Amino acid sequence: MSDEPFNPKPKKLKPIREKRVERNHKLGVKAAGGWSLKWVSPGTSGVPDDIDLHGIQSMQAAARRMGILMEDRQARALLEAAITFTECKAPGKLPTPLQARVHERLRALGFTVNVVDQLRK
């Protein structure tokens, strides 16, 4: 048994902030061999927080290892997958209506937009 006195009031847990979610996201992209850049677009509100660049060469090498021959259409798909956008949110929070509209516009152009609201372990 512990020598500490019983404390009927447990410590309050601090809420996880968006900044921490974004930092962990950046570390995850880096660990996977990519590069996550903060995106600031003066004059355009609602853009995602980050542009994530995934190494095209490493993606092509992985495709070759799996026996996938690269045709123009497949190379284009790799390029589209190599550039993604990420919106980081505190756990349980949703993008604002303006952000959601910008995300849909990017998706309509063929880009992948991810909304991350949790920490990865």
Protein backbone atom coordinates (compact mmCIF):
# COMPACT_ATOMS: atom_id res chain seq x y z
CA MET A 1 0.00 0.00 0.00
CA SER A 2 1.05 3.54 -0.62
CA ASP A 3 2.07 5.85 2.20
CA GLU A 4 0.34 8.76 0.42
CA PRO A 5 -2.91 9.97 2.01
CA PHE A 6 -6.12 9.32 0.12
CA ASN A 7 -7.04 12.27 -2.08
CA PRO A 8 -10.77 12.32 -2.88
CA LYS A 9 -10.25 14.98 -5.58
CA PRO A 10 -8.33 13.50 -8.50
CA LYS A 11 -6.15 15.78 -10.57
CA LYS A 12 -7.89 17.34 -13.53
CA LEU A 13 -6.49 16.20 -16.83
CA LYS A 14 -5.45 18.98 -19.15
CA PRO A 15 -7.26 18.94 -22.49
CA ILE A 16 -5.14 17.92 -25.45
CA ARG A 17 -4.50 20.94 -27.61
CA GLU A 18 -4.45 21.11 -31.40
CA LYS A 19 -0.78 22.13 -31.27
CA ARG A 20 0.15 18.79 -29.69
CA VAL A 21 -1.88 16.84 -32.27
CA GLU A 22 -0.13 18.76 -35.06
CA ARG A 23 3.34 18.16 -33.56
CA ASN A 24 2.69 14.40 -33.36
CA HIS A 25 1.35 14.40 -36.92
CA LYS A 26 4.54 16.08 -38.19
CA LEU A 27 6.69 13.55 -36.33
CA GLY A 28 4.69 10.68 -37.85
CA VAL A 29 5.10 12.01 -41.39
CA LYS A 30 8.83 12.49 -40.79
CA ALA A 31 9.18 8.96 -39.38
CA ALA A 32 7.56 7.63 -42.57
CA GLY A 33 10.17 9.44 -44.67
CA GLY A 34 8.04 12.46 -45.59
CA TRP A 35 8.05 16.16 -44.88
CA SER A 36 5.14 18.06 -43.32
CA LEU A 37 5.15 21.81 -43.95
CA LYS A 38 3.02 24.41 -42.18
CA TRP A 39 0.75 26.01 -44.76
CA VAL A 40 -0.10 29.67 -44.43
CA SER A 41 -1.94 31.25 -47.33
CA PRO A 42 -2.24 35.03 -46.91
CA GLY A 43 -5.60 36.26 -48.12
CA THR A 44 -7.17 32.78 -48.13
CA SER A 45 -8.83 31.66 -44.91
CA GLY A 46 -9.74 28.08 -44.10
CA VAL A 47 -6.78 26.30 -45.70
CA PRO A 48 -5.55 23.09 -44.01
CA ASP A 49 -2.74 23.39 -41.45
CA ASP A 50 -0.12 21.34 -43.29
CA ILE A 51 1.03 20.22 -46.71
CA ASP A 52 2.52 16.73 -46.41
CA LEU A 53 5.08 15.67 -48.99
CA HIS A 54 5.76 11.96 -49.25
CA GLY A 55 8.88 10.82 -51.12
CA ILE A 56 7.87 9.93 -54.67
CA GLN A 57 11.06 7.92 -55.20
CA SER A 58 10.42 5.79 -52.14
CA MET A 59 6.82 5.25 -53.27
CA GLN A 60 8.04 4.20 -56.74
CA ALA A 61 10.63 1.85 -55.20
CA ALA A 62 7.94 0.26 -53.02
CA ALA A 63 5.75 -0.22 -56.11
CA ARG A 64 8.65 -1.90 -57.96
CA ARG A 65 9.29 -4.21 -54.98
CA MET A 66 5.62 -5.26 -55.14
CA GLY A 67 5.96 -5.93 -58.86
CA ILE A 68 3.88 -2.97 -60.00
CA LEU A 69 5.01 -1.63 -63.35
CA MET A 70 4.64 2.11 -63.63
CA GLU A 71 2.43 3.40 -66.43
CA ASP A 72 1.58 7.08 -66.88
CA ARG A 73 -1.75 6.63 -65.11
CA GLN A 74 -0.11 4.88 -62.15
CA ALA A 75 2.67 7.47 -61.97
CA ARG A 76 0.02 10.20 -61.79
CA ALA A 77 -1.73 8.31 -58.98
CA LEU A 78 1.57 8.12 -57.09
CA LEU A 79 2.11 11.85 -57.53
CA GLU A 80 -1.40 12.59 -56.25
CA ALA A 81 -0.77 10.35 -53.23
CA ALA A 82 2.60 12.01 -52.64
CA ILE A 83 1.03 15.40 -51.82
CA THR A 84 -1.67 15.48 -49.17
CA PHE A 85 -3.19 18.17 -46.97
CA THR A 86 -3.82 17.76 -43.25
CA GLU A 87 -6.08 19.70 -40.91
CA CYS A 88 -5.20 19.09 -37.25
CA LYS A 89 -7.89 19.53 -34.61
CA ALA A 90 -8.09 19.02 -30.86
CA PRO A 91 -9.77 15.69 -30.02
CA GLY A 92 -13.47 15.77 -30.83
CA LYS A 93 -13.34 19.12 -32.65
CA LEU A 94 -14.56 19.47 -36.24
CA PRO A 95 -13.40 21.77 -39.05
CA THR A 96 -15.24 25.06 -39.29
CA PRO A 97 -17.75 25.44 -42.15
CA LEU A 98 -15.21 27.57 -44.06
CA GLN A 99 -12.50 24.93 -43.59
CA ALA A 100 -14.91 22.20 -44.74
CA ARG A 101 -15.64 24.16 -47.94
CA VAL A 102 -11.91 24.61 -48.65
CA HIS A 103 -11.32 20.89 -47.99
CA GLU A 104 -14.06 19.97 -50.48
CA ARG A 105 -12.57 22.32 -53.07
CA LEU A 106 -9.16 20.65 -52.69
CA ARG A 107 -10.76 17.20 -52.90
CA ALA A 108 -12.59 18.26 -56.08
CA LEU A 109 -9.15 19.04 -57.55
CA GLY A 110 -8.10 15.47 -56.78
CA PHE A 111 -6.11 16.03 -53.59
CA THR A 112 -6.39 14.05 -50.38
CA VAL A 113 -7.37 16.11 -47.32
CA ASN A 114 -7.09 14.42 -43.92
CA VAL A 115 -8.57 15.72 -40.68
CA VAL A 116 -6.57 14.51 -37.68
CA ASP A 117 -8.05 14.96 -34.21
CA GLN A 118 -6.30 12.29 -32.19
CA LEU A 119 -2.81 11.49 -31.02
CA ARG A 120 -1.18 8.39 -32.41
CA LYS A 121 0.56 6.12 -29.94
